Amino acid sequence: MSGELGIWETTAPAEARLPVLDASLDTEVAIVVAGYTGLSTALHLAEAGAPAVVVEAHAPGWGASGRNTGWLEPNWWLKKPAQIDAMFGAERGRELTRWVASGPRLLDAWVARYAMQIEATRRGLLMATDDVAKARALEAETRDWQRAGVPNEFLDGAALRWHIASDRYCGAIWLRDGMTLNPLALCRELTRACVSLGTRVFARSPVTTITRAGAHWRLTSPRGQIRARYLVLATDAYTRDLWPEVLSAFSTWHCAVVASEPYAPLSELLLSGVPFADLNLANVFTLREAANGRLVTSTFAPVRRGLSAAEVAEPFMRKFRKVFAGRTEPRWQYAHFGEVGLSSDMMPRLCAIGPQAWSAFGYSGTGINLALLLGGQLARLVAGGDVASSLFPVTGPQPVALRRVLGWSLRFLHAPIARTFISRIA
């Protein structure tokens, strides 16, 4: 199998030596959890001359930020630009669509400024379908992106065959600015950048309670406490019971990430090297290269633990054998598991959760791009920005109906059915 963070631990920069919170301190801004949301907020603040305090229960990237497949998708998940226009109005919708496409530029600027080593591959991302009607919808969606000034492209089946060694697919949207990277490396490099600008980051210091005391927030951990004027809760899928109102505003999907041994035939499958995703969500099927020629993908997490990497990857392999019939199969070496916060409509949330307190969550599987961007929005709010003028709308956390039932069914009904039965037919 592997360590807790799987393949990403093998090539990420070494974990920084960070102190444990073992005293009482005062700060303007306290940020809970050192994942993408918290670290992006901290880096935006530090670059503006207002370094914060970040407190992490484990180490930077321990949660979803270090456990995902490393796709930075500069798009709306399961939403088209036309739907964003309908939700927010044409002018604001168009501005939001350009904003969501700007994540790669933000990250590229940080990579250059701080010499970040994140194993990024910048070939774009292919999101494909084998359904003719869905292909026509992707073509229309691509035109919407282009009208907003985003240079995505539509590829028909013939064009796709220059990229993937299969004739199964009839259309795809090519997210030209999309990229893949080592997600754990990104967390560690964001931490390094924050610390270099004066941000204090404490590790292995779980926040156990957050209370309001007069005009301040008080955060307690086993060995210390923080008093802060402003609070950013950046816990997303790993909120647990720390803030019940936020926990109630999303459901949770459990996923597995698997990586092969070095797999030379991958270049014969991904002909152009562009990472590939099948948009049939009933059977998750993605391919990307990482960590010295390995195939990395994700699948529904099994309920039963203790499985080998090959056993975890079996639902993916059933589809692999259909898409690439007769091809040499990868040998699986690493598997690790994580949790994804799902909003009710697959749109992220930027929420006011108390006096001078904010949270962002519910990225629904596209957390790298959205968390980096929403970190900038959170930093503006902390710096005194008007809620009404926030580009991304600020709301209060709204409970997801039947959240516990939905989470249970995703974990113990849908995932086993998808792994056992749907993967055999989809």
Protein backbone atom coordinates (compact mmCIF):
# COMPACT_ATOMS: atom_id res chain seq x y z
CA MET A 1 0.00 0.00 0.00
CA SER A 2 1.63 3.28 1.06
CA GLY A 3 1.92 5.99 3.68
CA GLU A 4 -1.04 8.10 4.67
CA LEU A 5 -0.54 10.53 1.78
CA GLY A 6 0.43 7.90 -0.77
CA ILE A 7 2.49 8.66 -3.85
CA TRP A 8 2.72 12.38 -3.14
CA GLU A 9 4.97 11.90 -0.12
CA THR A 10 7.61 10.24 -2.27
CA THR A 11 8.45 13.30 -4.37
CA ALA A 12 7.16 16.35 -2.44
CA PRO A 13 9.67 18.71 -0.80
CA ALA A 14 10.45 17.79 2.78
CA GLU A 15 7.92 18.79 5.40
CA ALA A 16 8.94 22.02 7.11
CA ARG A 17 9.87 21.96 10.77
CA LEU A 18 7.03 23.94 12.29
CA PRO A 19 6.48 24.74 15.96
CA VAL A 20 3.67 23.44 18.12
CA LEU A 21 1.38 26.07 19.64
CA ASP A 22 2.44 25.90 23.29
CA ALA A 23 1.70 29.41 24.56
CA SER A 24 -0.94 32.12 24.50
CA LEU A 25 -0.67 34.73 21.78
CA ASP A 26 -2.59 37.61 20.27
CA THR A 27 -2.94 38.23 16.55
CA GLU A 28 -5.12 40.16 14.15
CA VAL A 29 -6.03 37.14 12.02
CA ALA A 30 -6.21 33.46 12.98
CA ILE A 31 -6.63 30.86 10.25
CA VAL A 32 -7.65 27.31 11.15
CA VAL A 33 -6.04 24.58 9.01
CA ALA A 34 -3.10 24.79 6.61
CA GLY A 35 -4.71 23.54 3.40
CA TYR A 36 -5.16 25.44 0.17
CA THR A 37 -7.87 27.77 1.50
CA GLY A 38 -6.01 28.70 4.66
CA LEU A 39 -2.59 29.01 3.06
CA SER A 40 -3.88 31.03 0.11
CA THR A 41 -5.63 33.40 2.51
CA ALA A 42 -2.46 33.66 4.58
CA LEU A 43 -0.24 34.30 1.55
CA HIS A 44 -2.56 36.97 0.17
CA LEU A 45 -2.54 38.68 3.58
CA ALA A 46 1.23 38.38 4.00
CA GLU A 47 1.82 39.88 0.55
CA ALA A 48 -0.35 42.81 1.64
CA GLY A 49 1.83 43.28 4.74
CA ALA A 50 -0.58 41.66 7.22
CA PRO A 51 0.81 38.23 8.14
CA ALA A 52 -1.61 35.97 10.00
CA VAL A 53 -1.32 33.01 12.36
CA VAL A 54 -2.19 29.62 10.87
CA VAL A 55 -2.87 26.70 13.17
CA GLU A 56 -2.96 23.12 11.83
CA ALA A 57 -3.98 19.94 13.61
CA HIS A 58 -1.45 17.77 11.81
CA ALA A 59 0.87 19.16 9.11
CA PRO A 60 0.21 21.35 6.07
CA GLY A 61 -1.61 19.33 3.43
CA TRP A 62 -2.71 16.55 5.78
CA GLY A 63 -6.36 16.82 4.73
CA ALA A 64 -7.97 16.97 1.30
CA SER A 65 -5.35 19.42 0.02
CA GLY A 66 -2.61 16.79 0.18
CA ARG A 67 -4.73 13.78 -0.77
CA ASN A 68 -6.32 14.68 -4.12
CA THR A 69 -5.21 13.72 -7.66
CA GLY A 70 -3.56 17.08 -8.32
CA TRP A 71 -5.83 18.42 -11.07
CA LEU A 72 -6.12 22.20 -11.17
CA GLU A 73 -9.31 22.66 -13.18
CA PRO A 74 -10.02 26.32 -14.00
CA ASN A 75 -13.74 25.82 -14.51
CA TRP A 76 -17.11 25.44 -12.79
CA TRP A 77 -17.77 21.86 -11.77
CA LEU A 78 -21.03 20.67 -13.35
CA LYS A 79 -21.94 24.25 -14.19
CA LYS A 80 -21.67 26.01 -17.54
CA PRO A 81 -20.90 29.72 -17.99
CA ALA A 82 -24.47 30.24 -19.22
CA GLN A 83 -25.77 28.82 -15.92
CA ILE A 84 -23.48 31.14 -13.96
CA ASP A 85 -24.90 34.08 -15.97
CA ALA A 86 -28.41 32.93 -15.09
CA MET A 87 -27.53 32.64 -11.40
CA PHE A 88 -25.74 35.96 -10.97
CA GLY A 89 -26.74 38.09 -13.95
CA ALA A 90 -24.91 38.38 -17.26
CA GLU A 91 -22.36 41.02 -16.24
CA ARG A 92 -21.38 39.50 -12.88
CA GLY A 93 -21.62 35.99 -14.29
CA ARG A 94 -19.16 36.80 -17.06
CA GLU A 95 -16.79 38.38 -14.52
CA LEU A 96 -17.04 35.30 -12.27
CA THR A 97 -16.33 32.99 -15.21
CA ARG A 98 -13.18 34.94 -16.06
CA TRP A 99 -12.26 34.84 -12.37
CA VAL A 100 -12.65 31.07 -12.04
CA ALA A 101 -10.43 30.66 -15.13
CA SER A 102 -7.69 32.80 -13.58
CA GLY A 103 -6.47 30.29 -10.97
CA PRO A 104 -3.57 29.00 -13.11
CA ARG A 105 -2.27 32.56 -13.58
CA LEU A 106 -2.37 33.18 -9.84
CA LEU A 107 -0.46 29.98 -9.16
CA ASP A 108 2.05 30.63 -11.95
CA ALA A 109 2.82 34.03 -10.43
CA TRP A 110 3.43 32.45 -7.02
CA VAL A 111 5.54 29.66 -8.50
CA ALA A 112 7.78 32.23 -10.17
CA ARG A 113 7.90 34.60 -7.19
CA TYR A 114 8.74 31.96 -4.58
CA ALA A 115 10.50 29.34 -6.76
CA MET A 116 7.94 26.72 -5.80
CA GLN A 117 8.73 23.10 -6.68
CA ILE A 118 5.32 21.54 -7.29
CA GLU A 119 5.92 19.16 -10.25
CA ALA A 120 3.46 21.09 -12.43
CA THR A 121 2.59 19.93 -15.94
CA ARG A 122 0.98 22.64 -18.07
CA ARG A 123 -0.59 20.91 -21.05
CA GLY A 124 -4.20 21.65 -20.21
CA LEU A 125 -6.87 19.10 -19.26
CA LEU A 126 -9.20 17.08 -21.49
CA MET A 127 -12.76 16.50 -20.24
CA ALA A 128 -14.37 13.99 -22.62
CA THR A 129 -17.62 12.17 -23.28
CA ASP A 130 -18.75 9.16 -25.29
CA ASP A 131 -22.30 10.52 -25.57
CA VAL A 132 -23.17 12.44 -28.75
CA ALA A 133 -25.70 14.73 -27.06
CA LYS A 134 -23.25 15.56 -24.28
CA ALA A 135 -20.57 16.27 -26.89
CA ARG A 136 -22.87 18.84 -28.53
CA ALA A 137 -23.43 20.40 -25.10
CA LEU A 138 -19.65 20.57 -24.54
CA GLU A 139 -19.26 22.32 -27.88
CA ALA A 140 -21.85 24.93 -26.90
CA GLU A 141 -20.21 25.32 -23.49
CA THR A 142 -16.84 25.91 -25.14
CA ARG A 143 -18.33 28.79 -27.12
CA ASP A 144 -19.58 30.29 -23.84
CA TRP A 145 -16.08 30.14 -22.38
CA GLN A 146 -14.63 31.73 -25.49
CA ARG A 147 -17.18 34.56 -25.40
CA ALA A 148 -15.98 35.24 -21.84
CA GLY A 149 -12.41 35.47 -23.15
CA VAL A 150 -11.26 32.04 -21.90
CA PRO A 151 -9.31 30.11 -24.58
CA ASN A 152 -10.82 26.66 -24.07
CA GLU A 153 -11.27 24.48 -27.16
CA PHE A 154 -13.71 21.83 -28.29
CA LEU A 155 -12.31 18.65 -29.83
CA ASP A 156 -14.42 16.23 -31.85
CA GLY A 157 -13.79 12.49 -31.94
CA ALA A 158 -11.25 12.68 -34.76
CA ALA A 159 -9.23 15.37 -32.98
CA LEU A 160 -9.39 13.44 -29.71
CA ARG A 161 -7.66 10.48 -31.29
CA TRP A 162 -4.49 12.57 -31.47
CA HIS A 163 -4.59 12.66 -27.68
CA ILE A 164 -5.94 9.31 -26.47
CA ALA A 165 -5.52 5.85 -27.98
CA SER A 166 -9.22 5.01 -28.09
CA ASP A 167 -12.08 5.62 -30.50
CA ARG A 168 -14.66 5.49 -27.68
CA TYR A 169 -14.98 9.27 -27.25
CA CYS A 170 -16.81 11.68 -29.54
CA GLY A 171 -16.11 15.05 -27.96
CA ALA A 172 -14.16 16.91 -25.28
CA ILE A 173 -13.56 20.34 -23.89
CA TRP A 174 -9.87 21.15 -23.64
CA LEU A 175 -9.22 23.39 -20.63
CA ARG A 176 -6.12 24.94 -22.15
CA ASP A 177 -4.89 26.60 -18.95
CA GLY A 178 -5.54 23.58 -16.72
CA MET A 179 -2.62 21.81 -15.12
CA THR A 180 -1.63 18.91 -12.91
CA LEU A 181 0.76 19.01 -9.98
CA ASN A 182 1.81 17.31 -6.77
CA PRO A 183 -0.87 18.54 -4.34
CA LEU A 184 1.14 17.86 -1.20
CA ALA A 185 4.11 19.69 -2.68
CA LEU A 186 1.89 22.70 -3.33
CA CYS A 187 0.79 22.80 0.32
CA ARG A 188 4.34 22.58 1.57
CA GLU A 189 5.57 25.25 -0.83
CA LEU A 190 2.69 27.58 0.04
CA THR A 191 3.64 27.11 3.68
CA ARG A 192 7.26 27.98 2.91
CA ALA A 193 6.18 31.13 1.06
CA CYS A 194 3.91 32.20 3.92
CA VAL A 195 6.61 31.69 6.55
CA SER A 196 9.12 33.63 4.45
CA LEU A 197 6.81 36.66 4.68
CA GLY A 198 6.32 36.48 8.42
CA THR A 199 3.28 34.22 8.75
CA ARG A 200 3.40 32.05 11.84
CA VAL A 201 2.32 28.47 11.10
CA PHE A 202 1.82 26.02 13.95
CA ALA A 203 1.59 22.29 13.26
CA ARG A 204 0.32 19.38 15.36
CA SER A 205 -1.83 21.84 17.26
CA PRO A 206 -5.47 20.82 16.85
CA VAL A 207 -7.98 23.54 17.62
CA THR A 208 -10.44 22.01 20.06
CA THR A 209 -12.76 24.96 20.71
CA ILE A 210 -13.49 28.35 19.15
CA THR A 211 -15.40 30.85 21.30
CA ARG A 212 -16.29 34.51 21.13
CA ALA A 213 -14.86 36.67 23.94
CA GLY A 214 -15.88 40.31 23.63
CA ALA A 215 -14.50 41.69 20.36
CA HIS A 216 -12.17 38.73 19.81
CA TRP A 217 -12.17 35.07 18.92
CA ARG A 218 -10.46 32.64 21.28
CA LEU A 219 -9.02 29.42 19.85
CA THR A 220 -7.80 26.74 22.21
CA SER A 221 -5.51 23.81 21.51
CA PRO A 222 -4.11 21.22 23.92
CA ARG A 223 -1.06 23.33 24.82
CA GLY A 224 -1.90 26.89 23.88
CA GLN A 225 -4.47 29.42 22.80
CA ILE A 226 -4.87 32.27 20.32
CA ARG A 227 -6.83 35.48 20.65
CA ALA A 228 -7.66 37.09 17.31
CA ARG A 229 -9.84 39.89 15.96
CA TYR A 230 -10.53 38.04 12.73
CA LEU A 231 -11.15 34.34 12.11
CA VAL A 232 -10.93 32.26 8.93
CA LEU A 233 -12.19 28.69 9.25
CA ALA A 234 -10.55 26.76 6.39
CA THR A 235 -11.44 23.22 7.39
CA ASP A 236 -13.81 22.27 4.50
CA ALA A 237 -14.45 18.49 4.45
CA TYR A 238 -12.50 18.02 7.70
CA THR A 239 -14.57 20.47 9.79
CA ARG A 240 -15.94 17.69 12.02
CA ASP A 241 -17.63 19.12 15.12
CA LEU A 242 -15.50 22.26 15.36
CA TRP A 243 -18.23 24.40 13.75
CA PRO A 244 -21.56 22.53 13.42
CA GLU A 245 -23.20 25.17 11.20
CA VAL A 246 -20.46 24.77 8.60
CA LEU A 247 -20.45 20.98 8.94
CA SER A 248 -24.18 20.94 8.20
CA ALA A 249 -23.72 22.89 4.95
CA PHE A 250 -22.07 20.12 2.90
CA SER A 251 -22.04 16.36 2.52
CA THR A 252 -18.93 14.22 2.19
CA TRP A 253 -17.66 11.94 -0.57
CA HIS A 254 -14.90 9.46 0.27
CA CYS A 255 -12.40 8.91 -2.53
CA ALA A 256 -9.31 6.82 -3.13
CA VAL A 257 -6.22 7.88 -5.10
CA VAL A 258 -4.09 5.14 -6.60
CA ALA A 259 -0.72 5.27 -8.36
CA SER A 260 1.02 2.63 -10.41
CA GLU A 261 4.59 1.55 -10.59
CA PRO A 262 6.48 3.43 -13.35
CA TYR A 263 4.37 2.62 -16.40
CA ALA A 264 6.07 3.14 -19.76
CA PRO A 265 2.97 2.27 -21.87
CA LEU A 266 1.19 5.35 -20.51
CA SER A 267 2.71 7.41 -23.32
CA GLU A 268 1.03 5.03 -25.79
CA LEU A 269 -2.36 5.75 -24.21
CA LEU A 270 -2.09 9.47 -23.52
CA LEU A 271 -0.57 10.24 -26.91
CA SER A 272 -0.07 13.97 -26.35
CA GLY A 273 0.53 13.71 -22.61
CA VAL A 274 -2.55 15.82 -21.84
CA PRO A 275 -4.35 14.51 -18.72
CA PHE A 276 -7.71 12.96 -19.56
CA ALA A 277 -11.05 12.63 -17.75
CA ASP A 278 -14.21 10.79 -18.76
CA LEU A 279 -17.22 12.89 -17.74
CA ASN A 280 -19.36 9.83 -17.03
CA LEU A 281 -19.46 10.28 -13.26
CA ALA A 282 -21.09 6.92 -12.64
CA ASN A 283 -17.65 5.35 -13.04
CA VAL A 284 -14.82 7.78 -12.29
CA PHE A 285 -12.11 7.45 -14.97
CA THR A 286 -9.16 9.82 -15.21
CA LEU A 287 -5.57 9.42 -16.36
CA ARG A 288 -2.53 11.54 -15.63
CA GLU A 289 1.20 10.98 -15.41
CA ALA A 290 3.08 11.84 -12.22
CA ALA A 291 6.07 10.94 -10.10
CA ASN A 292 8.47 9.61 -12.70
CA GLY A 293 6.12 8.03 -15.22
CA ARG A 294 3.41 6.60 -12.98
CA LEU A 295 -0.29 6.51 -13.80
CA VAL A 296 -2.32 8.29 -11.11
CA THR A 297 -6.10 8.20 -10.89
CA SER A 298 -8.96 8.21 -8.41
CA THR A 299 -11.96 6.05 -7.68
CA PHE A 300 -14.68 5.56 -5.11
CA ALA A 301 -13.12 4.61 -1.79
CA PRO A 302 -13.87 1.07 -0.63
CA VAL A 303 -15.69 0.67 2.65
CA ARG A 304 -13.39 -2.17 3.66
CA ARG A 305 -9.88 -1.13 4.63
CA GLY A 306 -6.69 -3.15 4.34
CA LEU A 307 -7.03 -3.75 0.60
CA SER A 308 -4.03 -3.81 -1.70
CA ALA A 309 -3.51 -0.93 -4.13
CA ALA A 310 -4.58 -3.26 -6.96
CA GLU A 311 -7.80 -4.13 -5.15
CA VAL A 312 -8.56 -0.46 -4.55
CA ALA A 313 -7.94 0.28 -8.25
CA GLU A 314 -10.11 -2.55 -9.60
CA PRO A 315 -13.18 -0.40 -10.53
CA PHE A 316 -10.89 1.83 -12.60
CA MET A 317 -9.29 -1.20 -14.21
CA ARG A 318 -12.65 -2.57 -15.37
CA LYS A 319 -13.15 0.54 -17.45
CA PHE A 320 -9.49 0.63 -18.46
CA ARG A 321 -9.91 -2.79 -20.06
CA LYS A 322 -12.87 -1.52 -22.09
CA VAL A 323 -11.27 1.74 -23.20
CA PHE A 324 -7.82 0.23 -23.87
CA ALA A 325 -8.65 -3.37 -24.70
CA GLY A 326 -5.60 -5.58 -25.03
CA ARG A 327 -3.15 -3.00 -23.70
CA THR A 328 -0.50 -3.75 -21.10
CA GLU A 329 -2.00 -3.14 -17.69
CA PRO A 330 -0.36 -1.05 -14.96
CA ARG A 331 0.82 -2.60 -11.72
CA TRP A 332 -0.52 -0.67 -8.77
CA GLN A 333 1.81 0.37 -5.96
CA TYR A 334 0.25 3.17 -3.89
CA ALA A 335 -3.22 3.90 -2.52
CA HIS A 336 -4.44 6.52 -0.10
CA PHE A 337 -7.81 7.99 0.89
CA GLY A 338 -9.42 11.35 1.41
CA GLU A 339 -12.69 13.19 1.86
CA VAL A 340 -14.32 15.76 -0.44
CA GLY A 341 -16.86 18.35 0.70
CA LEU A 342 -19.86 18.43 -1.65
CA SER A 343 -22.22 21.41 -1.70
CA SER A 344 -25.85 20.83 -2.60
CA ASP A 345 -25.47 22.46 -6.05
CA MET A 346 -21.75 21.79 -6.62
CA MET A 347 -20.98 25.50 -6.19
CA PRO A 348 -18.45 26.60 -3.57
CA ARG A 349 -19.54 28.58 -0.55
CA LEU A 350 -18.04 31.80 0.82
CA CYS A 351 -19.75 32.36 4.15
CA ALA A 352 -19.89 34.83 6.99
CA ILE A 353 -20.06 32.56 10.04
CA GLY A 354 -19.90 35.13 12.85
CA PRO A 355 -18.67 38.63 13.70
CA GLN A 356 -15.48 39.14 11.66
CA ALA A 357 -15.39 35.42 10.86
CA TRP A 358 -15.54 33.74 7.47
CA SER A 359 -15.24 30.33 5.86
CA ALA A 360 -15.03 28.88 2.34
CA PHE A 361 -15.87 25.26 1.59
CA GLY A 362 -17.84 22.88 -0.61
CA TYR A 363 -15.41 22.74 -3.53
CA SER A 364 -16.93 19.45 -4.71
CA GLY A 365 -13.70 18.03 -6.13
CA THR A 366 -12.18 21.15 -7.73
CA GLY A 367 -10.55 22.48 -4.60
CA ILE A 368 -7.11 23.47 -5.86
CA ASN A 369 -8.35 26.16 -8.22
CA LEU A 370 -11.31 27.36 -6.16
CA ALA A 371 -9.50 27.37 -2.82
CA LEU A 372 -6.56 29.35 -4.18
CA LEU A 373 -8.96 31.92 -5.63
CA LEU A 374 -11.29 32.09 -2.64
CA GLY A 375 -8.28 32.61 -0.42
CA GLY A 376 -7.93 35.97 -2.14
CA GLN A 377 -11.59 36.77 -1.48
CA LEU A 378 -11.23 35.80 2.19
CA ALA A 379 -8.14 37.99 2.54
CA ARG A 380 -10.07 40.96 1.16
CA LEU A 381 -12.88 40.40 3.65
CA VAL A 382 -10.41 40.16 6.53
CA ALA A 383 -8.70 43.33 5.37
CA GLY A 384 -11.99 45.21 5.72
CA GLY A 385 -13.54 44.66 2.33
CA ASP A 386 -17.24 45.31 2.02
CA VAL A 387 -19.23 42.08 1.89
CA ALA A 388 -21.56 43.59 -0.70
CA SER A 389 -18.62 44.34 -3.00
CA SER A 390 -17.14 40.82 -2.84
CA LEU A 391 -16.85 39.37 -6.34
CA PHE A 392 -17.94 35.93 -5.14
CA PRO A 393 -21.20 36.22 -3.18
CA VAL A 394 -20.98 36.02 0.60
CA THR A 395 -23.79 34.08 2.26
CA GLY A 396 -24.47 32.32 5.53
CA PRO A 397 -24.04 28.53 5.82
CA GLN A 398 -27.26 26.84 4.74
CA PRO A 399 -27.90 23.29 6.00
CA VAL A 400 -28.01 20.55 3.37
CA ALA A 401 -31.28 18.67 3.65
CA LEU A 402 -30.80 15.11 4.91
CA ARG A 403 -27.04 15.67 5.02
CA ARG A 404 -26.35 12.71 7.30
CA VAL A 405 -28.50 10.40 5.21
CA LEU A 406 -26.85 11.62 2.02
CA GLY A 407 -23.37 11.19 3.44
CA TRP A 408 -24.16 7.73 4.72
CA SER A 409 -25.68 6.66 1.40
CA LEU A 410 -22.71 8.00 -0.58
CA ARG A 411 -20.32 6.08 1.65
CA PHE A 412 -22.15 2.82 2.31
CA LEU A 413 -24.58 2.46 -0.61
CA HIS A 414 -23.51 4.40 -3.70
CA ALA A 415 -19.77 3.78 -3.41
CA PRO A 416 -20.05 -0.02 -2.98
CA ILE A 417 -22.62 -0.20 -5.81
CA ALA A 418 -20.39 1.92 -8.04
CA ARG A 419 -17.31 -0.17 -7.23
CA THR A 420 -19.03 -3.52 -7.60
CA PHE A 421 -21.73 -3.16 -10.25
CA ILE A 422 -21.69 0.18 -12.11
CA SER A 423 -17.98 -0.18 -12.91
CA ARG A 424 -18.82 -3.39 -14.77
CA ILE A 425 -21.24 -1.70 -17.17
CA ALA A 426 -20.35 2.01 -17.43
